[in-house]
Amino acid sequence: MKILLQYILMVGTAVLGVYGLLRLGADLVAPVSVGGVWNLALTSPSGSAGICDILQVPLEGAALVISQSGPNLMLHFNGASQFTLQGKIEGTTVTAQTERRTQGVSSLHLVAHVDRQTKPDQLQATLESDACSGPISLVGTRQPFSQDTSGEN
């Protein structure tokens, strides 16, 4: 009888612990996934890209690469490795900026909204810099994830 009581106590404690943890985490929601490669197209007047040549790569047809860990993001433009933006995603809004000026390069600030209703996902973004006369409007289309079929990692 004593062994049965000890068994019930130990198993019951573990079951109650797991149940409690599940109840505590019931309201947790994962952030929207934005990691991957986004093809960019300018939506602002074509003259604005010439006014603000800070990226030293054409934005039209460029790609924005986003690395994501939970709500934290790291963004960079393909071909513009000197610009790494750090940011966060809250709901469907992405905000990111360069940490500081480096080697005379102006800071960048990006605000974007993710549209999950379109297939593939789209990103409506505004890119601003103190070196630009005004904001640059961009739309990004998410590239599908490529799957490695070679079996190598």
N, C-alpha and C. Protein backbone atom coordinates (compact mmCIF):
# COMPACT_ATOMS: atom_id res chain seq x y z
N MET A 1 0.82 -1.20 0.00
CA MET A 1 0.00 0.00 0.00
C MET A 1 0.86 1.27 0.00
N LYS A 2 1.96 1.22 0.75
CA LYS A 2 2.85 2.36 0.84
C LYS A 2 3.49 2.66 -0.52
N ILE A 3 3.87 1.61 -1.26
CA ILE A 3 4.48 1.78 -2.58
C ILE A 3 3.47 2.39 -3.56
N LEU A 4 2.23 1.94 -3.50
CA LEU A 4 1.19 2.47 -4.36
C LEU A 4 0.97 3.96 -4.10
N LEU A 5 0.96 4.34 -2.83
CA LEU A 5 0.78 5.74 -2.46
C LEU A 5 1.95 6.59 -2.96
N GLN A 6 3.19 6.09 -2.83
CA GLN A 6 4.37 6.81 -3.33
C GLN A 6 4.30 6.95 -4.86
N TYR A 7 3.89 5.90 -5.54
CA TYR A 7 3.77 5.93 -6.99
C TYR A 7 2.74 6.98 -7.43
N ILE A 8 1.59 6.98 -6.81
CA ILE A 8 0.55 7.95 -7.14
C ILE A 8 1.02 9.37 -6.87
N LEU A 9 1.72 9.56 -5.78
CA LEU A 9 2.23 10.89 -5.43
C LEU A 9 3.26 11.38 -6.45
N MET A 10 4.20 10.51 -6.84
CA MET A 10 5.25 10.92 -7.79
C MET A 10 4.67 11.14 -9.19
N VAL A 11 3.85 10.22 -9.68
CA VAL A 11 3.28 10.37 -11.01
C VAL A 11 2.28 11.52 -11.03
N GLY A 12 1.49 11.63 -9.99
CA GLY A 12 0.50 12.70 -9.90
C GLY A 12 1.17 14.08 -9.90
N THR A 13 2.29 14.21 -9.20
CA THR A 13 3.02 15.48 -9.16
C THR A 13 3.54 15.84 -10.56
N ALA A 14 4.08 14.85 -11.26
CA ALA A 14 4.60 15.10 -12.61
C ALA A 14 3.45 15.49 -13.56
N VAL A 15 2.34 14.79 -13.49
CA VAL A 15 1.20 15.09 -14.35
C VAL A 15 0.66 16.49 -14.06
N LEU A 16 0.54 16.83 -12.79
CA LEU A 16 0.07 18.18 -12.44
C LEU A 16 1.05 19.25 -12.91
N GLY A 17 2.34 18.97 -12.83
CA GLY A 17 3.35 19.92 -13.31
C GLY A 17 3.24 20.17 -14.80
N VAL A 18 3.10 19.10 -15.57
CA VAL A 18 2.95 19.23 -17.02
C VAL A 18 1.66 19.98 -17.35
N TYR A 19 0.58 19.64 -16.68
CA TYR A 19 -0.69 20.32 -16.91
C TYR A 19 -0.57 21.82 -16.60
N GLY A 20 0.09 22.15 -15.51
CA GLY A 20 0.29 23.55 -15.14
C GLY A 20 1.10 24.31 -16.18
N LEU A 21 2.17 23.69 -16.70
CA LEU A 21 2.98 24.33 -17.73
C LEU A 21 2.19 24.54 -19.02
N LEU A 22 1.36 23.56 -19.37
CA LEU A 22 0.54 23.71 -20.56
C LEU A 22 -0.47 24.85 -20.40
N ARG A 23 -1.02 24.98 -19.23
CA ARG A 23 -1.98 26.07 -18.98
C ARG A 23 -1.28 27.43 -19.01
N LEU A 24 -0.06 27.50 -18.45
CA LEU A 24 0.68 28.76 -18.46
C LEU A 24 1.03 29.21 -19.88
N GLY A 25 1.35 28.26 -20.76
CA GLY A 25 1.75 28.59 -22.12
C GLY A 25 0.62 28.63 -23.12
N ALA A 26 -0.61 28.47 -22.66
CA ALA A 26 -1.75 28.41 -23.59
C ALA A 26 -1.94 29.70 -24.37
N ASP A 27 -1.55 30.84 -23.83
CA ASP A 27 -1.77 32.13 -24.49
C ASP A 27 -0.57 32.59 -25.31
N LEU A 28 0.50 31.80 -25.34
CA LEU A 28 1.67 32.19 -26.11
C LEU A 28 1.39 32.08 -27.60
N VAL A 29 1.85 33.06 -28.35
CA VAL A 29 1.67 33.08 -29.79
C VAL A 29 3.03 33.30 -30.44
N ALA A 30 3.37 32.48 -31.39
CA ALA A 30 4.64 32.63 -32.10
C ALA A 30 4.58 33.86 -33.00
N PRO A 31 5.70 34.57 -33.15
CA PRO A 31 5.70 35.71 -34.06
C PRO A 31 5.55 35.25 -35.50
N VAL A 32 5.08 36.15 -36.35
CA VAL A 32 4.92 35.87 -37.77
C VAL A 32 6.30 35.56 -38.36
N SER A 33 6.37 34.56 -39.21
CA SER A 33 7.62 34.19 -39.85
C SER A 33 7.89 35.11 -41.04
N VAL A 34 9.01 35.82 -41.00
CA VAL A 34 9.41 36.68 -42.11
C VAL A 34 10.81 36.34 -42.61
N GLY A 35 11.43 35.34 -42.01
CA GLY A 35 12.77 34.95 -42.41
C GLY A 35 12.80 34.43 -43.83
N GLY A 36 13.87 34.74 -44.54
CA GLY A 36 14.03 34.27 -45.91
C GLY A 36 14.46 35.39 -46.83
N VAL A 37 14.27 35.17 -48.11
CA VAL A 37 14.68 36.13 -49.13
C VAL A 37 13.44 36.77 -49.75
N TRP A 38 13.47 38.09 -49.85
CA TRP A 38 12.35 38.86 -50.41
C TRP A 38 12.86 39.62 -51.63
N ASN A 39 12.23 39.43 -52.79
CA ASN A 39 12.55 40.20 -53.99
C ASN A 39 11.92 41.57 -53.87
N LEU A 40 12.70 42.62 -54.16
CA LEU A 40 12.22 43.99 -53.97
C LEU A 40 11.88 44.67 -55.29
N ALA A 41 10.88 45.52 -55.24
CA ALA A 41 10.52 46.39 -56.36
C ALA A 41 10.19 47.76 -55.78
N LEU A 42 10.63 48.81 -56.47
CA LEU A 42 10.34 50.19 -56.04
C LEU A 42 8.89 50.52 -56.32
N THR A 43 8.24 51.16 -55.37
CA THR A 43 6.89 51.67 -55.60
C THR A 43 6.86 53.18 -55.53
N SER A 44 7.96 53.80 -55.05
CA SER A 44 8.04 55.26 -55.04
C SER A 44 8.50 55.72 -56.43
N PRO A 45 8.37 57.00 -56.72
CA PRO A 45 8.81 57.50 -58.03
C PRO A 45 10.24 57.09 -58.32
N SER A 46 10.53 56.78 -59.57
CA SER A 46 11.85 56.27 -59.93
C SER A 46 12.96 57.26 -59.62
N GLY A 47 12.66 58.53 -59.56
CA GLY A 47 13.68 59.54 -59.25
C GLY A 47 14.19 59.44 -57.83
N SER A 48 13.39 58.90 -56.91
CA SER A 48 13.82 58.86 -55.51
C SER A 48 14.98 57.91 -55.31
N ALA A 49 15.11 56.88 -56.16
CA ALA A 49 16.24 55.97 -56.02
C ALA A 49 17.54 56.67 -56.40
N GLY A 50 17.48 57.60 -57.38
CA GLY A 50 18.67 58.33 -57.77
C GLY A 50 19.07 59.36 -56.74
N ILE A 51 18.08 59.94 -56.05
CA ILE A 51 18.35 60.94 -55.03
C ILE A 51 19.07 60.30 -53.85
N CYS A 52 18.77 59.06 -53.59
CA CYS A 52 19.32 58.39 -52.43
C CYS A 52 20.08 57.15 -52.88
N ASP A 53 21.34 57.31 -53.16
CA ASP A 53 22.16 56.21 -53.65
C ASP A 53 23.03 55.61 -52.54
N ILE A 54 22.55 55.61 -51.32
CA ILE A 54 23.38 55.19 -50.20
C ILE A 54 23.69 53.71 -50.18
N LEU A 55 22.83 52.88 -50.75
CA LEU A 55 23.07 51.44 -50.73
C LEU A 55 24.14 51.01 -51.72
N GLN A 56 24.41 51.84 -52.71
CA GLN A 56 25.39 51.56 -53.75
C GLN A 56 25.03 50.31 -54.55
N VAL A 57 23.78 49.90 -54.49
CA VAL A 57 23.23 48.84 -55.36
C VAL A 57 21.84 49.30 -55.76
N PRO A 58 21.39 48.96 -56.97
CA PRO A 58 20.04 49.35 -57.34
C PRO A 58 19.01 48.59 -56.51
N LEU A 59 18.03 49.30 -55.96
CA LEU A 59 17.00 48.65 -55.16
C LEU A 59 16.04 47.86 -56.03
N GLU A 60 15.79 48.35 -57.24
CA GLU A 60 14.89 47.64 -58.15
C GLU A 60 15.51 46.29 -58.50
N GLY A 61 14.83 45.22 -58.18
CA GLY A 61 15.33 43.88 -58.47
C GLY A 61 16.28 43.33 -57.43
N ALA A 62 16.60 44.11 -56.40
CA ALA A 62 17.48 43.63 -55.34
C ALA A 62 16.72 42.64 -54.45
N ALA A 63 17.42 42.03 -53.55
CA ALA A 63 16.79 41.09 -52.62
C ALA A 63 17.10 41.53 -51.19
N LEU A 64 16.12 41.41 -50.33
CA LEU A 64 16.28 41.67 -48.91
C LEU A 64 16.32 40.31 -48.22
N VAL A 65 17.40 40.05 -47.50
CA VAL A 65 17.57 38.78 -46.81
C VAL A 65 17.30 39.01 -45.33
N ILE A 66 16.35 38.27 -44.78
CA ILE A 66 15.97 38.42 -43.37
C ILE A 66 16.27 37.14 -42.62
N SER A 67 17.04 37.26 -41.56
CA SER A 67 17.28 36.15 -40.63
C SER A 67 16.44 36.42 -39.40
N GLN A 68 15.75 35.40 -38.91
CA GLN A 68 14.83 35.60 -37.79
C GLN A 68 15.08 34.59 -36.69
N SER A 69 15.06 35.09 -35.47
CA SER A 69 15.10 34.25 -34.28
C SER A 69 14.03 34.79 -33.33
N GLY A 70 12.87 34.13 -33.33
CA GLY A 70 11.74 34.62 -32.55
C GLY A 70 11.32 35.97 -33.10
N PRO A 71 11.17 36.98 -32.24
CA PRO A 71 10.78 38.30 -32.73
C PRO A 71 11.97 39.15 -33.21
N ASN A 72 13.19 38.66 -33.04
CA ASN A 72 14.39 39.43 -33.41
C ASN A 72 14.78 39.14 -34.86
N LEU A 73 15.16 40.20 -35.57
CA LEU A 73 15.48 40.10 -36.99
C LEU A 73 16.83 40.71 -37.30
N MET A 74 17.48 40.17 -38.32
CA MET A 74 18.68 40.77 -38.89
C MET A 74 18.43 40.82 -40.40
N LEU A 75 18.55 42.01 -40.99
CA LEU A 75 18.25 42.21 -42.40
C LEU A 75 19.46 42.75 -43.12
N HIS A 76 19.65 42.34 -44.37
CA HIS A 76 20.64 42.99 -45.23
C HIS A 76 20.20 42.86 -46.68
N PHE A 77 20.66 43.81 -47.47
CA PHE A 77 20.35 43.85 -48.89
C PHE A 77 21.43 43.08 -49.62
N ASN A 78 21.04 42.21 -50.55
CA ASN A 78 22.02 41.49 -51.37
C ASN A 78 22.90 42.49 -52.09
N GLY A 79 24.19 42.30 -52.00
CA GLY A 79 25.12 43.20 -52.68
C GLY A 79 25.45 44.44 -51.88
N ALA A 80 24.86 44.62 -50.72
CA ALA A 80 25.15 45.80 -49.88
C ALA A 80 25.48 45.32 -48.47
N SER A 81 26.56 44.57 -48.36
CA SER A 81 26.87 43.92 -47.09
C SER A 81 27.26 44.90 -45.99
N GLN A 82 27.58 46.15 -46.35
CA GLN A 82 27.94 47.11 -45.31
C GLN A 82 26.73 47.55 -44.50
N PHE A 83 25.53 47.22 -44.99
CA PHE A 83 24.31 47.59 -44.28
C PHE A 83 23.67 46.37 -43.66
N THR A 84 23.77 46.29 -42.36
CA THR A 84 23.06 45.25 -41.63
C THR A 84 22.11 45.95 -40.68
N LEU A 85 20.84 45.66 -40.82
CA LEU A 85 19.83 46.29 -39.97
C LEU A 85 19.39 45.26 -38.94
N GLN A 86 19.20 45.73 -37.72
CA GLN A 86 18.68 44.88 -36.67
C GLN A 86 17.30 45.38 -36.31
N GLY A 87 16.39 44.45 -36.09
CA GLY A 87 15.03 44.88 -35.81
C GLY A 87 14.21 43.84 -35.10
N LYS A 88 12.92 44.11 -35.07
CA LYS A 88 11.95 43.25 -34.39
C LYS A 88 10.69 43.19 -35.23
N ILE A 89 9.91 42.15 -34.97
CA ILE A 89 8.59 42.07 -35.55
C ILE A 89 7.59 42.03 -34.42
N GLU A 90 6.59 42.88 -34.51
CA GLU A 90 5.49 42.92 -33.55
C GLU A 90 4.20 42.83 -34.34
N GLY A 91 3.47 41.76 -34.16
CA GLY A 91 2.29 41.52 -34.98
C GLY A 91 2.73 41.28 -36.40
N THR A 92 2.32 42.16 -37.31
CA THR A 92 2.77 42.05 -38.71
C THR A 92 3.62 43.25 -39.12
N THR A 93 4.14 43.99 -38.14
CA THR A 93 4.96 45.18 -38.41
C THR A 93 6.42 44.90 -38.10
N VAL A 94 7.26 45.14 -39.09
CA VAL A 94 8.70 44.99 -38.95
C VAL A 94 9.31 46.37 -38.82
N THR A 95 10.15 46.57 -37.81
CA THR A 95 10.93 47.80 -37.69
C THR A 95 12.39 47.40 -37.55
N ALA A 96 13.25 48.07 -38.30
CA ALA A 96 14.68 47.74 -38.25
C ALA A 96 15.49 48.97 -38.58
N GLN A 97 16.71 49.01 -38.06
CA GLN A 97 17.61 50.11 -38.36
C GLN A 97 19.05 49.66 -38.16
N THR A 98 19.95 50.41 -38.78
CA THR A 98 21.36 50.16 -38.53
C THR A 98 21.65 50.65 -37.13
N GLU A 99 22.59 50.01 -36.47
CA GLU A 99 22.88 50.39 -35.08
C GLU A 99 23.52 51.77 -34.99
N ARG A 100 24.43 52.05 -35.89
CA ARG A 100 25.14 53.33 -35.84
C ARG A 100 25.76 53.59 -37.20
N ARG A 101 26.25 54.77 -37.37
CA ARG A 101 26.97 55.10 -38.60
C ARG A 101 28.31 54.36 -38.59
N THR A 102 28.64 53.79 -39.72
CA THR A 102 29.93 53.12 -39.83
C THR A 102 30.64 53.61 -41.08
N GLN A 103 31.88 53.97 -40.96
CA GLN A 103 32.72 54.40 -42.07
C GLN A 103 32.04 55.47 -42.91
N GLY A 104 31.41 56.43 -42.27
CA GLY A 104 30.77 57.53 -42.97
C GLY A 104 29.46 57.16 -43.66
N VAL A 105 28.98 55.97 -43.44
CA VAL A 105 27.74 55.53 -44.05
C VAL A 105 26.57 55.98 -43.18
N SER A 106 25.57 56.53 -43.81
CA SER A 106 24.41 57.02 -43.08
C SER A 106 23.60 55.87 -42.48
N SER A 107 22.85 56.20 -41.47
CA SER A 107 21.99 55.19 -40.86
C SER A 107 20.76 54.97 -41.71
N LEU A 108 20.21 53.76 -41.63
CA LEU A 108 19.00 53.39 -42.35
C LEU A 108 17.93 53.00 -41.36
N HIS A 109 16.69 53.28 -41.72
CA HIS A 109 15.54 52.90 -40.89
C HIS A 109 14.49 52.31 -41.81
N LEU A 110 14.02 51.12 -41.49
CA LEU A 110 13.03 50.44 -42.31
C LEU A 110 11.81 50.12 -41.48
N VAL A 111 10.63 50.42 -42.02
CA VAL A 111 9.35 50.04 -41.42
C VAL A 111 8.59 49.29 -42.50
N ALA A 112 8.10 48.11 -42.16
CA ALA A 112 7.40 47.30 -43.16
C ALA A 112 6.21 46.60 -42.52
N HIS A 113 5.23 46.32 -43.36
CA HIS A 113 4.04 45.58 -42.93
C HIS A 113 3.94 44.32 -43.78
N VAL A 114 3.74 43.19 -43.13
CA VAL A 114 3.65 41.91 -43.81
C VAL A 114 2.20 41.63 -44.17
N ASP A 115 1.97 41.31 -45.45
CA ASP A 115 0.63 40.94 -45.90
C ASP A 115 0.62 39.43 -46.11
N ARG A 116 0.00 38.72 -45.17
CA ARG A 116 -0.05 37.26 -45.21
C ARG A 116 -1.24 36.76 -46.03
N GLN A 117 -2.09 37.68 -46.50
CA GLN A 117 -3.26 37.29 -47.28
C GLN A 117 -2.90 36.98 -48.73
N THR A 118 -1.78 37.49 -49.20
CA THR A 118 -1.36 37.25 -50.57
C THR A 118 -0.51 35.98 -50.62
N LYS A 119 -0.48 35.36 -51.78
CA LYS A 119 0.37 34.20 -51.99
C LYS A 119 1.27 34.48 -53.16
N PRO A 120 2.56 34.57 -53.02
CA PRO A 120 3.32 34.50 -51.79
C PRO A 120 3.16 35.77 -50.94
N ASP A 121 3.66 35.69 -49.70
CA ASP A 121 3.57 36.83 -48.79
C ASP A 121 4.21 38.07 -49.42
N GLN A 122 3.68 39.24 -49.05
CA GLN A 122 4.26 40.50 -49.52
C GLN A 122 4.61 41.37 -48.33
N LEU A 123 5.57 42.24 -48.57
CA LEU A 123 6.09 43.15 -47.56
C LEU A 123 6.01 44.56 -48.13
N GLN A 124 5.21 45.43 -47.52
CA GLN A 124 5.12 46.84 -47.92
C GLN A 124 6.08 47.60 -47.02
N ALA A 125 7.14 48.16 -47.58
CA ALA A 125 8.20 48.75 -46.76
C ALA A 125 8.48 50.19 -47.13
N THR A 126 8.96 50.93 -46.15
CA THR A 126 9.46 52.28 -46.33
C THR A 126 10.87 52.33 -45.77
N LEU A 127 11.81 52.77 -46.58
CA LEU A 127 13.21 52.86 -46.20
C LEU A 127 13.59 54.33 -46.12
N GLU A 128 14.15 54.74 -44.99
CA GLU A 128 14.54 56.13 -44.80
C GLU A 128 15.98 56.20 -44.33
N SER A 129 16.63 57.31 -44.68
CA SER A 129 17.99 57.57 -44.24
C SER A 129 18.16 59.07 -44.11
N ASP A 130 19.08 59.48 -43.22
CA ASP A 130 19.34 60.90 -43.10
C ASP A 130 20.09 61.43 -44.32
N ALA A 131 20.58 60.53 -45.18
CA ALA A 131 21.26 60.95 -46.41
C ALA A 131 20.29 61.10 -47.57
N CYS A 132 19.03 60.73 -47.37
CA CYS A 132 18.04 60.79 -48.45
C CYS A 132 17.13 62.00 -48.26
N SER A 133 16.61 62.49 -49.37
CA SER A 133 15.70 63.63 -49.28
C SER A 133 14.29 63.21 -48.88
N GLY A 134 13.98 61.94 -48.99
CA GLY A 134 12.66 61.45 -48.62
C GLY A 134 12.67 59.94 -48.53
N PRO A 135 11.57 59.37 -48.08
CA PRO A 135 11.50 57.92 -47.94
C PRO A 135 11.41 57.22 -49.30
N ILE A 136 11.88 55.99 -49.32
CA ILE A 136 11.78 55.14 -50.51
C ILE A 136 10.77 54.05 -50.19
N SER A 137 9.76 53.91 -51.02
CA SER A 137 8.73 52.89 -50.83
C SER A 137 9.09 51.66 -51.65
N LEU A 138 9.00 50.51 -51.00
CA LEU A 138 9.34 49.24 -51.64
C LEU A 138 8.24 48.22 -51.39
N VAL A 139 8.13 47.27 -52.28
CA VAL A 139 7.28 46.12 -52.03
C VAL A 139 8.18 44.88 -52.21
N GLY A 140 8.09 43.99 -51.26
CA GLY A 140 8.88 42.76 -51.33
C GLY A 140 7.97 41.56 -51.50
N THR A 141 8.40 40.63 -52.32
CA THR A 141 7.68 39.39 -52.52
C THR A 141 8.56 38.26 -52.04
N ARG A 142 8.02 37.44 -51.16
CA ARG A 142 8.81 36.38 -50.55
C ARG A 142 9.12 35.29 -51.56
N GLN A 143 10.41 34.92 -51.63
CA GLN A 143 10.81 33.80 -52.47
C GLN A 143 10.48 32.51 -51.73
N PRO A 144 10.06 31.49 -52.46
CA PRO A 144 9.81 30.21 -51.78
C PRO A 144 11.11 29.65 -51.24
N PHE A 145 11.00 28.93 -50.13
CA PHE A 145 12.18 28.31 -49.54
C PHE A 145 12.68 27.22 -50.47
N SER A 146 13.98 27.20 -50.71
CA SER A 146 14.54 26.12 -51.54
C SER A 146 14.85 24.94 -50.63
N GLN A 147 14.57 23.76 -51.14
CA GLN A 147 14.83 22.56 -50.36
C GLN A 147 16.03 21.85 -50.96
N ASP A 148 16.99 21.53 -50.08
CA ASP A 148 18.19 20.84 -50.50
C ASP A 148 17.87 19.36 -50.67
N THR A 149 17.97 18.86 -51.90
CA THR A 149 17.65 17.46 -52.15
C THR A 149 18.90 16.61 -52.22
N SER A 150 20.07 17.20 -51.99
CA SER A 150 21.32 16.44 -52.09
C SER A 150 21.56 15.59 -50.85
N GLY A 151 20.86 15.89 -49.77
CA GLY A 151 21.07 15.14 -48.54
C GLY A 151 22.18 15.69 -47.69
N GLU A 152 22.90 16.73 -48.18
CA GLU A 152 23.98 17.32 -47.39
C GLU A 152 23.46 18.54 -46.67
N ASN A 153 24.03 18.84 -45.53
CA ASN A 153 23.63 20.03 -44.76
C ASN A 153 24.69 21.07 -44.82
